[in-house]
PDB file of N, CA and C in Angstrom:
ATOM      1  N   UNK A   1       9.321  13.709  -2.135  1.00  0.00           N
ATOM      2  CA  UNK A   1       8.824  13.638  -3.499  1.00  0.00           C
ATOM      3  C   UNK A   1       7.435  13.018  -3.488  1.00  0.00           C
ATOM      4  N   UNK A   2       6.509  13.666  -4.126  1.00  0.00           N
ATOM      5  CA  UNK A   2       5.171  13.109  -4.282  1.00  0.00           C
ATOM      6  C   UNK A   2       5.194  12.002  -5.319  1.00  0.00           C
ATOM      7  N   UNK A   3       4.381  10.991  -5.093  1.00  0.00           N
ATOM      8  CA  UNK A   3       4.347   9.872  -6.033  1.00  0.00           C
ATOM      9  C   UNK A   3       3.875  10.312  -7.415  1.00  0.00           C
ATOM     10  N   UNK A   4       3.119  11.385  -7.487  1.00  0.00           N
ATOM     11  CA  UNK A   4       2.613  11.851  -8.779  1.00  0.00           C
ATOM     12  C   UNK A   4       3.657  12.625  -9.578  1.00  0.00           C
ATOM     13  N   UNK A   5       4.835  12.777  -9.027  1.00  0.00           N
ATOM     14  CA  UNK A   5       5.888  13.509  -9.725  1.00  0.00           C
ATOM     15  C   UNK A   5       7.018  12.552 -10.080  1.00  0.00           C
ATOM     16  N   UNK A   6       7.113  12.217 -11.344  1.00  0.00           N
ATOM     17  CA  UNK A   6       8.162  11.289 -11.771  1.00  0.00           C
ATOM     18  C   UNK A   6       9.323  12.029 -12.422  1.00  0.00           C
ATOM     19  N   UNK A   7       9.395  13.326 -12.229  1.00  0.00           N
ATOM     20  CA  UNK A   7      10.449  14.129 -12.851  1.00  0.00           C
ATOM     21  C   UNK A   7      11.819  13.887 -12.228  1.00  0.00           C
ATOM     22  N   UNK A   8      11.870  13.230 -11.088  1.00  0.00           N
ATOM     23  CA  UNK A   8      13.149  12.986 -10.415  1.00  0.00           C
ATOM     24  C   UNK A   8      13.845  11.727 -10.910  1.00  0.00           C
ATOM     25  N   UNK A   9      13.225  11.016 -11.824  1.00  0.00           N
ATOM     26  CA  UNK A   9      13.812   9.804 -12.385  1.00  0.00           C
ATOM     27  C   UNK A   9      15.089  10.157 -13.129  1.00  0.00           C
ATOM     28  N   UNK A  10      16.034   9.243 -13.118  1.00  0.00           N
ATOM     29  CA  UNK A  10      17.297   9.466 -13.821  1.00  0.00           C
ATOM     30  C   UNK A  10      17.188   9.171 -15.315  1.00  0.00           C
ATOM     31  N   UNK A  11      16.088   8.566 -15.720  1.00  0.00           N
ATOM     32  CA  UNK A  11      15.887   8.253 -17.141  1.00  0.00           C
ATOM     33  C   UNK A  11      14.652   8.984 -17.655  1.00  0.00           C
ATOM     34  N   UNK A  12      14.619   9.190 -18.944  1.00  0.00           N
ATOM     35  CA  UNK A  12      13.440   9.782 -19.577  1.00  0.00           C
ATOM     36  C   UNK A  12      12.523   8.647 -20.015  1.00  0.00           C
ATOM     37  N   UNK A  13      11.287   8.717 -19.593  1.00  0.00           N
ATOM     38  CA  UNK A  13      10.340   7.648 -19.919  1.00  0.00           C
ATOM     39  C   UNK A  13       9.934   7.715 -21.389  1.00  0.00           C
ATOM     40  N   UNK A  14       9.339   6.642 -21.853  1.00  0.00           N
ATOM     41  CA  UNK A  14       8.864   6.600 -23.242  1.00  0.00           C
ATOM     42  C   UNK A  14       7.344   6.461 -23.267  1.00  0.00           C
ATOM     43  N   UNK A  15       6.670   7.162 -22.345  1.00  0.00           N
ATOM     44  CA  UNK A  15       5.212   7.064 -22.246  1.00  0.00           C
ATOM     45  C   UNK A  15       4.523   7.534 -23.525  1.00  0.00           C
ATOM     46  N   UNK A  16       5.095   8.491 -24.226  1.00  0.00           N
ATOM     47  CA  UNK A  16       4.486   8.955 -25.471  1.00  0.00           C
ATOM     48  C   UNK A  16       4.399   7.802 -26.468  1.00  0.00           C
ATOM     49  N   UNK A  17       5.451   7.023 -26.570  1.00  0.00           N
ATOM     50  CA  UNK A  17       5.468   5.872 -27.474  1.00  0.00           C
ATOM     51  C   UNK A  17       4.442   4.829 -27.013  1.00  0.00           C
ATOM     52  N   UNK A  18       4.331   4.613 -25.709  1.00  0.00           N
ATOM     53  CA  UNK A  18       3.358   3.660 -25.170  1.00  0.00           C
ATOM     54  C   UNK A  18       1.934   4.076 -25.546  1.00  0.00           C
ATOM     55  N   UNK A  19       1.618   5.354 -25.346  1.00  0.00           N
ATOM     56  CA  UNK A  19       0.296   5.841 -25.729  1.00  0.00           C
ATOM     57  C   UNK A  19       0.072   5.704 -27.239  1.00  0.00           C
ATOM     58  N   UNK A  20       1.095   6.011 -28.025  1.00  0.00           N
ATOM     59  CA  UNK A  20       0.979   5.893 -29.476  1.00  0.00           C
ATOM     60  C   UNK A  20       0.720   4.440 -29.891  1.00  0.00           C
ATOM     61  N   UNK A  21       1.470   3.518 -29.303  1.00  0.00           N
ATOM     62  CA  UNK A  21       1.332   2.102 -29.637  1.00  0.00           C
ATOM     63  C   UNK A  21      -0.009   1.520 -29.196  1.00  0.00           C
ATOM     64  N   UNK A  22      -0.659   2.148 -28.231  1.00  0.00           N
ATOM     65  CA  UNK A  22      -1.939   1.676 -27.702  1.00  0.00           C
ATOM     66  C   UNK A  22      -3.055   2.696 -27.929  1.00  0.00           C
ATOM     67  N   UNK A  23      -2.866   3.517 -28.945  1.00  0.00           N
ATOM     68  CA  UNK A  23      -3.782   4.626 -29.236  1.00  0.00           C
ATOM     69  C   UNK A  23      -5.235   4.171 -29.361  1.00  0.00           C
ATOM     70  N   UNK A  24      -5.478   3.085 -30.035  1.00  0.00           N
ATOM     71  CA  UNK A  24      -6.850   2.610 -30.243  1.00  0.00           C
ATOM     72  C   UNK A  24      -7.548   2.336 -28.922  1.00  0.00           C
ATOM     73  N   UNK A  25      -6.862   1.673 -27.991  1.00  0.00           N
ATOM     74  CA  UNK A  25      -7.454   1.404 -26.679  1.00  0.00           C
ATOM     75  C   UNK A  25      -7.756   2.700 -25.933  1.00  0.00           C
ATOM     76  N   UNK A  26      -6.832   3.644 -25.968  1.00  0.00           N
ATOM     77  CA  UNK A  26      -7.053   4.901 -25.259  1.00  0.00           C
ATOM     78  C   UNK A  26      -8.174   5.724 -25.909  1.00  0.00           C
ATOM     79  N   UNK A  27      -8.300   5.640 -27.215  1.00  0.00           N
ATOM     80  CA  UNK A  27      -9.419   6.309 -27.887  1.00  0.00           C
ATOM     81  C   UNK A  27     -10.754   5.693 -27.466  1.00  0.00           C
ATOM     82  N   UNK A  28     -10.795   4.377 -27.383  1.00  0.00           N
ATOM     83  CA  UNK A  28     -12.021   3.690 -26.947  1.00  0.00           C
ATOM     84  C   UNK A  28     -12.387   4.083 -25.516  1.00  0.00           C
ATOM     85  N   UNK A  29     -11.381   4.162 -24.664  1.00  0.00           N
ATOM     86  CA  UNK A  29     -11.620   4.554 -23.263  1.00  0.00           C
ATOM     87  C   UNK A  29     -12.165   5.973 -23.219  1.00  0.00           C
ATOM     88  N   UNK A  30     -11.567   6.878 -23.968  1.00  0.00           N
ATOM     89  CA  UNK A  30     -12.027   8.262 -23.999  1.00  0.00           C
ATOM     90  C   UNK A  30     -13.482   8.343 -24.444  1.00  0.00           C
ATOM     91  N   UNK A  31     -13.823   7.653 -25.500  1.00  0.00           N
ATOM     92  CA  UNK A  31     -15.209   7.675 -25.999  1.00  0.00           C
ATOM     93  C   UNK A  31     -16.168   7.156 -24.940  1.00  0.00           C
ATOM     94  N   UNK A  32     -15.801   6.065 -24.293  1.00  0.00           N
ATOM     95  CA  UNK A  32     -16.663   5.477 -23.256  1.00  0.00           C
ATOM     96  C   UNK A  32     -16.862   6.476 -22.111  1.00  0.00           C
ATOM     97  N   UNK A  33     -15.794   7.103 -21.659  1.00  0.00           N
ATOM     98  CA  UNK A  33     -15.894   8.048 -20.540  1.00  0.00           C
ATOM     99  C   UNK A  33     -16.690   9.288 -20.925  1.00  0.00           C
ATOM    100  N   UNK A  34     -16.495   9.778 -22.135  1.00  0.00           N
ATOM    101  CA  UNK A  34     -17.243  10.949 -22.597  1.00  0.00           C
ATOM    102  C   UNK A  34     -18.743  10.665 -22.655  1.00  0.00           C
ATOM    103  N   UNK A  35     -19.099   9.422 -22.945  1.00  0.00           N
ATOM    104  CA  UNK A  35     -20.504   9.059 -23.096  1.00  0.00           C
ATOM    105  C   UNK A  35     -21.170   8.598 -21.799  1.00  0.00           C
ATOM    106  N   UNK A  36     -20.441   8.623 -20.697  1.00  0.00           N
ATOM    107  CA  UNK A  36     -21.044   8.280 -19.417  1.00  0.00           C
ATOM    108  C   UNK A  36     -22.117   9.300 -19.055  1.00  0.00           C
ATOM    109  N   UNK A  37     -23.101   8.855 -18.322  1.00  0.00           N
ATOM    110  CA  UNK A  37     -24.105   9.766 -17.766  1.00  0.00           C
ATOM    111  C   UNK A  37     -23.380  10.823 -16.940  1.00  0.00           C
ATOM    112  N   UNK A  38     -23.826  12.045 -17.034  1.00  0.00           N
ATOM    113  CA  UNK A  38     -23.158  13.150 -16.325  1.00  0.00           C
ATOM    114  C   UNK A  38     -23.043  12.891 -14.821  1.00  0.00           C
ATOM    115  N   UNK A  39     -23.994  12.180 -14.248  1.00  0.00           N
ATOM    116  CA  UNK A  39     -23.958  11.873 -12.811  1.00  0.00           C
ATOM    117  C   UNK A  39     -22.806  10.952 -12.451  1.00  0.00           C
ATOM    118  N   UNK A  40     -22.301  10.205 -13.423  1.00  0.00           N
ATOM    119  CA  UNK A  40     -21.198   9.271 -13.178  1.00  0.00           C
ATOM    120  C   UNK A  40     -19.828   9.903 -13.420  1.00  0.00           C
ATOM    121  N   UNK A  41     -19.823  11.143 -13.882  1.00  0.00           N
ATOM    122  CA  UNK A  41     -18.562  11.824 -14.157  1.00  0.00           C
ATOM    123  C   UNK A  41     -18.128  12.641 -12.944  1.00  0.00           C
ATOM    124  N   UNK A  42     -17.395  11.994 -12.033  1.00  0.00           N
ATOM    125  CA  UNK A  42     -16.868  12.705 -10.884  1.00  0.00           C
ATOM    126  C   UNK A  42     -15.627  13.496 -11.313  1.00  0.00           C
ATOM    127  N   UNK A  43     -15.024  14.220 -10.379  1.00  0.00           N
ATOM    128  CA  UNK A  43     -13.863  15.057 -10.702  1.00  0.00           C
ATOM    129  C   UNK A  43     -12.722  14.243 -11.312  1.00  0.00           C
ATOM    130  N   UNK A  44     -12.494  13.053 -10.771  1.00  0.00           N
ATOM    131  CA  UNK A  44     -11.411  12.209 -11.278  1.00  0.00           C
ATOM    132  C   UNK A  44     -11.668  11.789 -12.727  1.00  0.00           C
ATOM    133  N   UNK A  45     -12.892  11.433 -13.023  1.00  0.00           N
ATOM    134  CA  UNK A  45     -13.251  11.025 -14.383  1.00  0.00           C
ATOM    135  C   UNK A  45     -13.137  12.203 -15.352  1.00  0.00           C
ATOM    136  N   UNK A  46     -13.556  13.368 -14.919  1.00  0.00           N
ATOM    137  CA  UNK A  46     -13.440  14.566 -15.765  1.00  0.00           C
ATOM    138  C   UNK A  46     -11.977  14.877 -16.053  1.00  0.00           C
ATOM    139  N   UNK A  47     -11.113  14.774 -15.039  1.00  0.00           N
ATOM    140  CA  UNK A  47      -9.676  14.998 -15.254  1.00  0.00           C
ATOM    141  C   UNK A  47      -9.120  13.967 -16.234  1.00  0.00           C
ATOM    142  N   UNK A  48      -9.581  12.722 -16.117  1.00  0.00           N
ATOM    143  CA  UNK A  48      -9.111  11.661 -17.009  1.00  0.00           C
ATOM    144  C   UNK A  48      -9.520  11.964 -18.453  1.00  0.00           C
ATOM    145  N   UNK A  49     -10.747  12.412 -18.653  1.00  0.00           N
ATOM    146  CA  UNK A  49     -11.223  12.759 -19.995  1.00  0.00           C
ATOM    147  C   UNK A  49     -10.376  13.880 -20.592  1.00  0.00           C
ATOM    148  N   UNK A  50     -10.165  14.929 -19.822  1.00  0.00           N
ATOM    149  CA  UNK A  50      -9.375  16.068 -20.296  1.00  0.00           C
ATOM    150  C   UNK A  50      -7.953  15.633 -20.634  1.00  0.00           C
ATOM    151  N   UNK A  51      -7.349  14.832 -19.764  1.00  0.00           N
ATOM    152  CA  UNK A  51      -5.973  14.384 -19.995  1.00  0.00           C
ATOM    153  C   UNK A  51      -5.870  13.454 -21.191  1.00  0.00           C
ATOM    154  N   UNK A  52      -6.818  12.522 -21.323  1.00  0.00           N
ATOM    155  CA  UNK A  52      -6.781  11.624 -22.484  1.00  0.00           C
ATOM    156  C   UNK A  52      -6.906  12.400 -23.788  1.00  0.00           C
ATOM    157  N   UNK A  53      -7.774  13.391 -23.820  1.00  0.00           N
ATOM    158  CA  UNK A  53      -7.905  14.221 -25.031  1.00  0.00           C
ATOM    159  C   UNK A  53      -6.578  14.884 -25.368  1.00  0.00           C
ATOM    160  N   UNK A  54      -5.933  15.443 -24.359  1.00  0.00           N
ATOM    161  CA  UNK A  54      -4.668  16.146 -24.583  1.00  0.00           C
ATOM    162  C   UNK A  54      -3.564  15.166 -24.983  1.00  0.00           C
ATOM    163  N   UNK A  55      -3.501  14.019 -24.345  1.00  0.00           N
ATOM    164  CA  UNK A  55      -2.483  13.025 -24.691  1.00  0.00           C
ATOM    165  C   UNK A  55      -2.680  12.553 -26.122  1.00  0.00           C
ATOM    166  N   UNK A  56      -3.906  12.269 -26.512  1.00  0.00           N
ATOM    167  CA  UNK A  56      -4.159  11.819 -27.878  1.00  0.00           C
ATOM    168  C   UNK A  56      -3.811  12.905 -28.901  1.00  0.00           C
ATOM    169  N   UNK A  57      -3.970  14.149 -28.519  1.00  0.00           N
ATOM    170  CA  UNK A  57      -3.555  15.257 -29.398  1.00  0.00           C
ATOM    171  C   UNK A  57      -2.032  15.295 -29.505  1.00  0.00           C
ATOM    172  N   UNK A  58      -1.365  15.183 -28.361  1.00  0.00           N
ATOM    173  CA  UNK A  58       0.100  15.270 -28.314  1.00  0.00           C
ATOM    174  C   UNK A  58       0.759  14.145 -29.110  1.00  0.00           C
ATOM    175  N   UNK A  59       0.256  12.928 -28.963  1.00  0.00           N
ATOM    176  CA  UNK A  59       0.940  11.803 -29.623  1.00  0.00           C
ATOM    177  C   UNK A  59       0.818  11.852 -31.141  1.00  0.00           C
ATOM    178  N   UNK A  60      -0.096  12.651 -31.638  1.00  0.00           N
ATOM    179  CA  UNK A  60      -0.218  12.790 -33.093  1.00  0.00           C
ATOM    180  C   UNK A  60       0.767  13.811 -33.657  1.00  0.00           C
ATOM    181  N   UNK A  61       1.460  14.512 -32.773  1.00  0.00           N
ATOM    182  CA  UNK A  61       2.413  15.542 -33.197  1.00  0.00           C
ATOM    183  C   UNK A  61       3.841  15.053 -32.961  1.00  0.00           C
ATOM    184  N   UNK A  62       4.671  15.107 -33.982  1.00  0.00           N
ATOM    185  CA  UNK A  62       6.055  14.654 -33.852  1.00  0.00           C
ATOM    186  C   UNK A  62       6.892  15.565 -32.964  1.00  0.00           C
ATOM    187  N   UNK A  63       6.608  16.852 -33.006  1.00  0.00           N
ATOM    188  CA  UNK A  63       7.463  17.808 -32.312  1.00  0.00           C
ATOM    189  C   UNK A  63       6.978  18.191 -30.908  1.00  0.00           C
ATOM    190  N   UNK A  64       5.912  17.586 -30.439  1.00  0.00           N
ATOM    191  CA  UNK A  64       5.373  17.908 -29.109  1.00  0.00           C
ATOM    192  C   UNK A  64       5.965  16.935 -28.092  1.00  0.00           C
ATOM    193  N   UNK A  65       6.779  17.434 -27.156  1.00  0.00           N
ATOM    194  CA  UNK A  65       7.375  16.533 -26.166  1.00  0.00           C
ATOM    195  C   UNK A  65       6.342  16.057 -25.143  1.00  0.00           C
ATOM    196  N   UNK A  66       6.543  14.836 -24.658  1.00  0.00           N
ATOM    197  CA  UNK A  66       5.668  14.284 -23.628  1.00  0.00           C
ATOM    198  C   UNK A  66       6.403  13.163 -22.912  1.00  0.00           C
ATOM    199  N   UNK A  67       6.860  13.463 -21.718  1.00  0.00           N
ATOM    200  CA  UNK A  67       7.573  12.475 -20.906  1.00  0.00           C
ATOM    201  C   UNK A  67       7.650  13.000 -19.478  1.00  0.00           C
ATOM    202  N   UNK A  68       8.306  12.240 -18.632  1.00  0.00           N
ATOM    203  CA  UNK A  68       8.518  12.671 -17.252  1.00  0.00           C
ATOM    204  C   UNK A  68       9.446  13.875 -17.163  1.00  0.00           C
ATOM    205  N   UNK A  69      10.057  14.255 -18.238  1.00  0.00           N
ATOM    206  CA  UNK A  69      10.962  15.411 -18.277  1.00  0.00           C
ATOM    207  C   UNK A  69      10.275  16.693 -18.767  1.00  0.00           C
ATOM    208  N   UNK A  70       9.010  16.574 -19.139  1.00  0.00           N
ATOM    209  CA  UNK A  70       8.308  17.712 -19.724  1.00  0.00           C
ATOM    210  C   UNK A  70       7.230  18.238 -18.789  1.00  0.00           C
ATOM    211  N   UNK A  71       6.831  19.470 -19.012  1.00  0.00           N
ATOM    212  CA  UNK A  71       5.859  20.114 -18.134  1.00  0.00           C
ATOM    213  C   UNK A  71       4.486  19.449 -18.136  1.00  0.00           C
ATOM    214  N   UNK A  72       4.197  18.616 -19.109  1.00  0.00           N
ATOM    215  CA  UNK A  72       2.891  17.985 -19.201  1.00  0.00           C
ATOM    216  C   UNK A  72       2.856  16.583 -18.582  1.00  0.00           C
ATOM    217  N   UNK A  73       3.868  16.222 -17.790  1.00  0.00           N
ATOM    218  CA  UNK A  73       3.946  14.876 -17.224  1.00  0.00           C
ATOM    219  C   UNK A  73       2.745  14.527 -16.349  1.00  0.00           C
ATOM    220  N   UNK A  74       2.060  15.532 -15.795  1.00  0.00           N
ATOM    221  CA  UNK A  74       0.911  15.270 -14.924  1.00  0.00           C
ATOM    222  C   UNK A  74      -0.235  14.595 -15.666  1.00  0.00           C
ATOM    223  N   UNK A  75      -0.262  14.718 -16.980  1.00  0.00           N
ATOM    224  CA  UNK A  75      -1.305  14.064 -17.768  1.00  0.00           C
ATOM    225  C   UNK A  75      -1.326  12.559 -17.509  1.00  0.00           C
ATOM    226  N   UNK A  76      -0.170  11.956 -17.327  1.00  0.00           N
ATOM    227  CA  UNK A  76      -0.099  10.509 -17.046  1.00  0.00           C
ATOM    228  C   UNK A  76      -0.776  10.180 -15.727  1.00  0.00           C
ATOM    229  N   UNK A  77      -0.513  10.990 -14.727  1.00  0.00           N
ATOM    230  CA  UNK A  77      -1.075  10.742 -13.401  1.00  0.00           C
ATOM    231  C   UNK A  77      -2.599  10.716 -13.462  1.00  0.00           C
ATOM    232  N   UNK A  78      -3.183  11.633 -14.204  1.00  0.00           N
ATOM    233  CA  UNK A  78      -4.644  11.694 -14.325  1.00  0.00           C
ATOM    234  C   UNK A  78      -5.211  10.485 -15.074  1.00  0.00           C
ATOM    235  N   UNK A  79      -4.372   9.793 -15.823  1.00  0.00           N
ATOM    236  CA  UNK A  79      -4.820   8.641 -16.622  1.00  0.00           C
ATOM    237  C   UNK A  79      -4.341   7.313 -16.047  1.00  0.00           C
ATOM    238  N   UNK A  80      -3.915   7.322 -14.799  1.00  0.00           N
ATOM    239  CA  UNK A  80      -3.339   6.117 -14.193  1.00  0.00           C
ATOM    240  C   UNK A  80      -4.216   4.884 -14.305  1.00  0.00           C
ATOM    241  N   UNK A  81      -5.513   5.008 -14.020  1.00  0.00           N
ATOM    242  CA  UNK A  81      -6.404   3.846 -14.099  1.00  0.00           C
ATOM    243  C   UNK A  81      -6.485   3.314 -15.530  1.00  0.00           C
ATOM    244  N   UNK A  82      -6.516   4.206 -16.492  1.00  0.00           N
ATOM    245  CA  UNK A  82      -6.562   3.793 -17.899  1.00  0.00           C
ATOM    246  C   UNK A  82      -5.249   3.121 -18.307  1.00  0.00           C
ATOM    247  N   UNK A  83      -4.132   3.666 -17.885  1.00  0.00           N
ATOM    248  CA  UNK A  83      -2.824   3.078 -18.195  1.00  0.00           C
ATOM    249  C   UNK A  83      -2.734   1.677 -17.602  1.00  0.00           C
ATOM    250  N   UNK A  84      -3.110   1.535 -16.339  1.00  0.00           N
ATOM    251  CA  UNK A  84      -3.048   0.226 -15.680  1.00  0.00           C
ATOM    252  C   UNK A  84      -3.951  -0.789 -16.372  1.00  0.00           C
ATOM    253  N   UNK A  85      -5.112  -0.359 -16.822  1.00  0.00           N
ATOM    254  CA  UNK A  85      -6.030  -1.270 -17.496  1.00  0.00           C
ATOM    255  C   UNK A  85      -5.471  -1.727 -18.831  1.00  0.00           C
ATOM    256  N   UNK A  86      -4.926  -0.821 -19.599  1.00  0.00           N
ATOM    257  CA  UNK A  86      -4.375  -1.181 -20.907  1.00  0.00           C
ATOM    258  C   UNK A  86      -3.170  -2.103 -20.745  1.00  0.00           C
ATOM    259  N   UNK A  87      -2.343  -1.851 -19.766  1.00  0.00           N
ATOM    260  CA  UNK A  87      -1.114  -2.628 -19.597  1.00  0.00           C
ATOM    261  C   UNK A  87      -1.357  -3.998 -18.962  1.00  0.00           C
ATOM    262  N   UNK A  88      -2.443  -4.160 -18.222  1.00  0.00           N
ATOM    263  CA  UNK A  88      -2.722  -5.421 -17.529  1.00  0.00           C
ATOM    264  C   UNK A  88      -2.928  -6.548 -18.540  1.00  0.00           C
ATOM    265  N   UNK A  89      -2.259  -7.686 -18.335  1.00  0.00           N
ATOM    266  CA  UNK A  89      -2.388  -8.782 -19.295  1.00  0.00           C
ATOM    267  C   UNK A  89      -3.716  -9.535 -19.184  1.00  0.00           C
ATOM    268  N   UNK A  90      -4.353  -9.446 -18.049  1.00  0.00           N
ATOM    269  CA  UNK A  90      -5.600 -10.178 -17.838  1.00  0.00           C
ATOM    270  C   UNK A  90      -6.613  -9.259 -17.174  1.00  0.00           C
ATOM    271  N   UNK A  91      -7.564  -9.853 -16.490  1.00  0.00           N
ATOM    272  CA  UNK A  91      -8.615  -9.043 -15.886  1.00  0.00           C
ATOM    273  C   UNK A  91      -8.085  -8.164 -14.750  1.00  0.00           C
ATOM    274  N   UNK A  92      -8.836  -7.103 -14.504  1.00  0.00           N
ATOM    275  CA  UNK A  92      -8.542  -6.175 -13.423  1.00  0.00           C
ATOM    276  C   UNK A  92      -9.373  -6.601 -12.208  1.00  0.00           C
ATOM    277  N   UNK A  93      -8.730  -6.697 -11.071  1.00  0.00           N
ATOM    278  CA  UNK A  93      -9.426  -6.981  -9.818  1.00  0.00           C
ATOM    279  C   UNK A  93      -9.277  -5.739  -8.960  1.00  0.00           C
ATOM    280  N   UNK A  94     -10.414  -5.165  -8.560  1.00  0.00           N
ATOM    281  CA  UNK A  94     -10.371  -3.859  -7.910  1.00  0.00           C
ATOM    282  C   UNK A  94     -11.533  -3.662  -6.942  1.00  0.00           C
ATOM    283  N   UNK A  95     -11.346  -2.778  -6.003  1.00  0.00           N
ATOM    284  CA  UNK A  95     -12.458  -2.320  -5.160  1.00  0.00           C
ATOM    285  C   UNK A  95     -12.901  -0.933  -5.627  1.00  0.00           C
ATOM    286  N   UNK A  96     -12.389  -0.516  -6.774  1.00  0.00           N
ATOM    287  CA  UNK A  96     -12.723   0.781  -7.360  1.00  0.00           C
ATOM    288  C   UNK A  96     -13.494   0.575  -8.671  1.00  0.00           C
ATOM    289  N   UNK A  97     -14.622  -0.117  -8.576  1.00  0.00           N
ATOM    290  CA  UNK A  97     -15.415  -0.414  -9.772  1.00  0.00           C
ATOM    291  C   UNK A  97     -15.927   0.860 -10.439  1.00  0.00           C
ATOM    292  N   UNK A  98     -16.159   1.884  -9.654  1.00  0.00           N
ATOM    293  CA  UNK A  98     -16.680   3.141 -10.204  1.00  0.00           C
ATOM    294  C   UNK A  98     -15.828   3.649 -11.360  1.00  0.00           C
ATOM    295  N   UNK A  99     -14.512   3.560 -11.197  1.00  0.00           N
ATOM    296  CA  UNK A  99     -13.620   4.060 -12.235  1.00  0.00           C
ATOM    297  C   UNK A  99     -13.183   2.977 -13.216  1.00  0.00           C
ATOM    298  N   UNK A 100     -12.916   1.776 -12.719  1.00  0.00           N
ATOM    299  CA  UNK A 100     -12.372   0.744 -13.600  1.00  0.00           C
ATOM    300  C   UNK A 100     -13.410   0.071 -14.488  1.00  0.00           C
ATOM    301  N   UNK A 101     -14.647  -0.034 -14.044  1.00  0.00           N
ATOM    302  CA  UNK A 101     -15.647  -0.749 -14.851  1.00  0.00           C
ATOM    303  C   UNK A 101     -15.823  -0.137 -16.244  1.00  0.00           C
ATOM    304  N   UNK A 102     -16.078   1.168 -16.365  1.00  0.00           N
ATOM    305  CA  UNK A 102     -16.241   1.717 -17.721  1.00  0.00           C
ATOM    306  C   UNK A 102     -14.957   1.654 -18.551  1.00  0.00           C
ATOM    307  N   UNK A 103     -13.821   1.795 -17.906  1.00  0.00           N
ATOM    308  CA  UNK A 103     -12.548   1.724 -18.628  1.00  0.00           C
ATOM    309  C   UNK A 103     -12.358   0.318 -19.192  1.00  0.00           C
ATOM    310  N   UNK A 104     -12.593  -0.687 -18.348  1.00  0.00           N
ATOM    311  CA  UNK A 104     -12.457  -2.079 -18.794  1.00  0.00           C
ATOM    312  C   UNK A 104     -13.471  -2.417 -19.876  1.00  0.00           C
ATOM    313  N   UNK A 105     -14.702  -1.977 -19.703  1.00  0.00           N
ATOM    314  CA  UNK A 105     -15.739  -2.229 -20.711  1.00  0.00           C
ATOM    315  C   UNK A 105     -15.336  -1.654 -22.065  1.00  0.00           C
ATOM    316  N   UNK A 106     -14.700  -0.511 -22.055  1.00  0.00           N
ATOM    317  CA  UNK A 106     -14.329   0.164 -23.298  1.00  0.00           C
ATOM    318  C   UNK A 106     -13.401  -0.674 -24.163  1.00  0.00           C
ATOM    319  N   UNK A 107     -12.521  -1.440 -23.526  1.00  0.00           N
ATOM    320  CA  UNK A 107     -11.540  -2.210 -24.304  1.00  0.00           C
ATOM    321  C   UNK A 107     -11.746  -3.717 -24.165  1.00  0.00           C
ATOM    322  N   UNK A 108     -12.898  -4.111 -23.618  1.00  0.00           N
ATOM    323  CA  UNK A 108     -13.227  -5.527 -23.533  1.00  0.00           C
ATOM    324  C   UNK A 108     -12.400  -6.306 -22.536  1.00  0.00           C
ATOM    325  N   UNK A 109     -11.920  -5.625 -21.509  1.00  0.00           N
ATOM    326  CA  UNK A 109     -11.138  -6.301 -20.473  1.00  0.00           C
ATOM    327  C   UNK A 109     -12.060  -6.655 -19.319  1.00  0.00           C
ATOM    328  N   UNK A 110     -11.914  -7.858 -18.804  1.00  0.00           N
ATOM    329  CA  UNK A 110     -12.738  -8.308 -17.683  1.00  0.00           C
ATOM    330  C   UNK A 110     -12.331  -7.567 -16.408  1.00  0.00           C
ATOM    331  N   UNK A 111     -13.332  -7.251 -15.607  1.00  0.00           N
ATOM    332  CA  UNK A 111     -13.083  -6.583 -14.328  1.00  0.00           C
ATOM    333  C   UNK A 111     -13.854  -7.316 -13.247  1.00  0.00           C
ATOM    334  N   UNK A 112     -13.214  -7.486 -12.113  1.00  0.00           N
ATOM    335  CA  UNK A 112     -13.837  -8.189 -10.993  1.00  0.00           C
ATOM    336  C   UNK A 112     -13.768  -7.327  -9.747  1.00  0.00           C
ATOM    337  N   UNK A 113     -14.898  -7.218  -9.091  1.00  0.00           N
ATOM    338  CA  UNK A 113     -14.989  -6.449  -7.856  1.00  0.00           C
ATOM    339  C   UNK A 113     -14.591  -7.330  -6.679  1.00  0.00           C
ATOM    340  N   UNK A 114     -14.005  -6.732  -5.683  1.00  0.00           N
ATOM    341  CA  UNK A 114     -13.820  -7.417  -4.418  1.00  0.00           C
ATOM    342  C   UNK A 114     -14.003  -6.399  -3.313  1.00  0.00           C
ATOM    343  N   UNK A 115     -14.535  -6.815  -2.197  1.00  0.00           N
ATOM    344  CA  UNK A 115     -14.737  -5.852  -1.096  1.00  0.00           C
ATOM    345  C   UNK A 115     -13.400  -5.501  -0.458  1.00  0.00           C
ATOM    346  N   UNK A 116     -13.276  -4.258   0.004  1.00  0.00           N
ATOM    347  CA  UNK A 116     -12.045  -3.888   0.720  1.00  0.00           C
ATOM    348  C   UNK A 116     -11.910  -4.712   1.994  1.00  0.00           C
ATOM    349  N   UNK A 117     -10.691  -4.925   2.412  1.00  0.00           N
ATOM    350  CA  UNK A 117     -10.432  -5.672   3.636  1.00  0.00           C
ATOM    351  C   UNK A 117     -11.051  -4.941   4.824  1.00  0.00           C
ATOM    352  N   UNK A 118     -11.787  -5.680   5.622  1.00  0.00           N
ATOM    353  CA  UNK A 118     -12.426  -5.084   6.799  1.00  0.00           C
ATOM    354  C   UNK A 118     -11.400  -4.975   7.924  1.00  0.00           C
ATOM    355  N   UNK A 119     -11.424  -3.843   8.605  1.00  0.00           N
ATOM    356  CA  UNK A 119     -10.531  -3.632   9.743  1.00  0.00           C
ATOM    357  C   UNK A 119     -11.120  -4.322  10.953  1.00  0.00           C
ATOM    358  N   UNK A 120     -10.266  -4.943  11.742  1.00  0.00           N
ATOM    359  CA  UNK A 120     -10.729  -5.620  12.960  1.00  0.00           C
ATOM    360  C   UNK A 120     -10.675  -4.694  14.138  1.00  0.00           C
TER     361      UNK A 120
END
């Protein structure tokens, strides 16, 4: 099983409710990412923008399913950095400043860089 596939879970997740409850933060993140300089929009960032747009559309519809049991579950995977940032209670510490810095800035969350561990 690939880690990006959560369809094998025995329970149905409530990610749609999580996105709905944190809609304002995800909207802010989307706006920030959309307004990045085109040179800063790598493939991962573009996928995140597309997925956030679709998730925000889905959560506004009562009859549109969205969970690990539905065909659109991959949208969560593309938004993993945004989900982790919103859920984190304090600052984000990462060696992936390229992706986390604009996300954290969007919602006023502190982000701290650290160098990756050097191999001996």
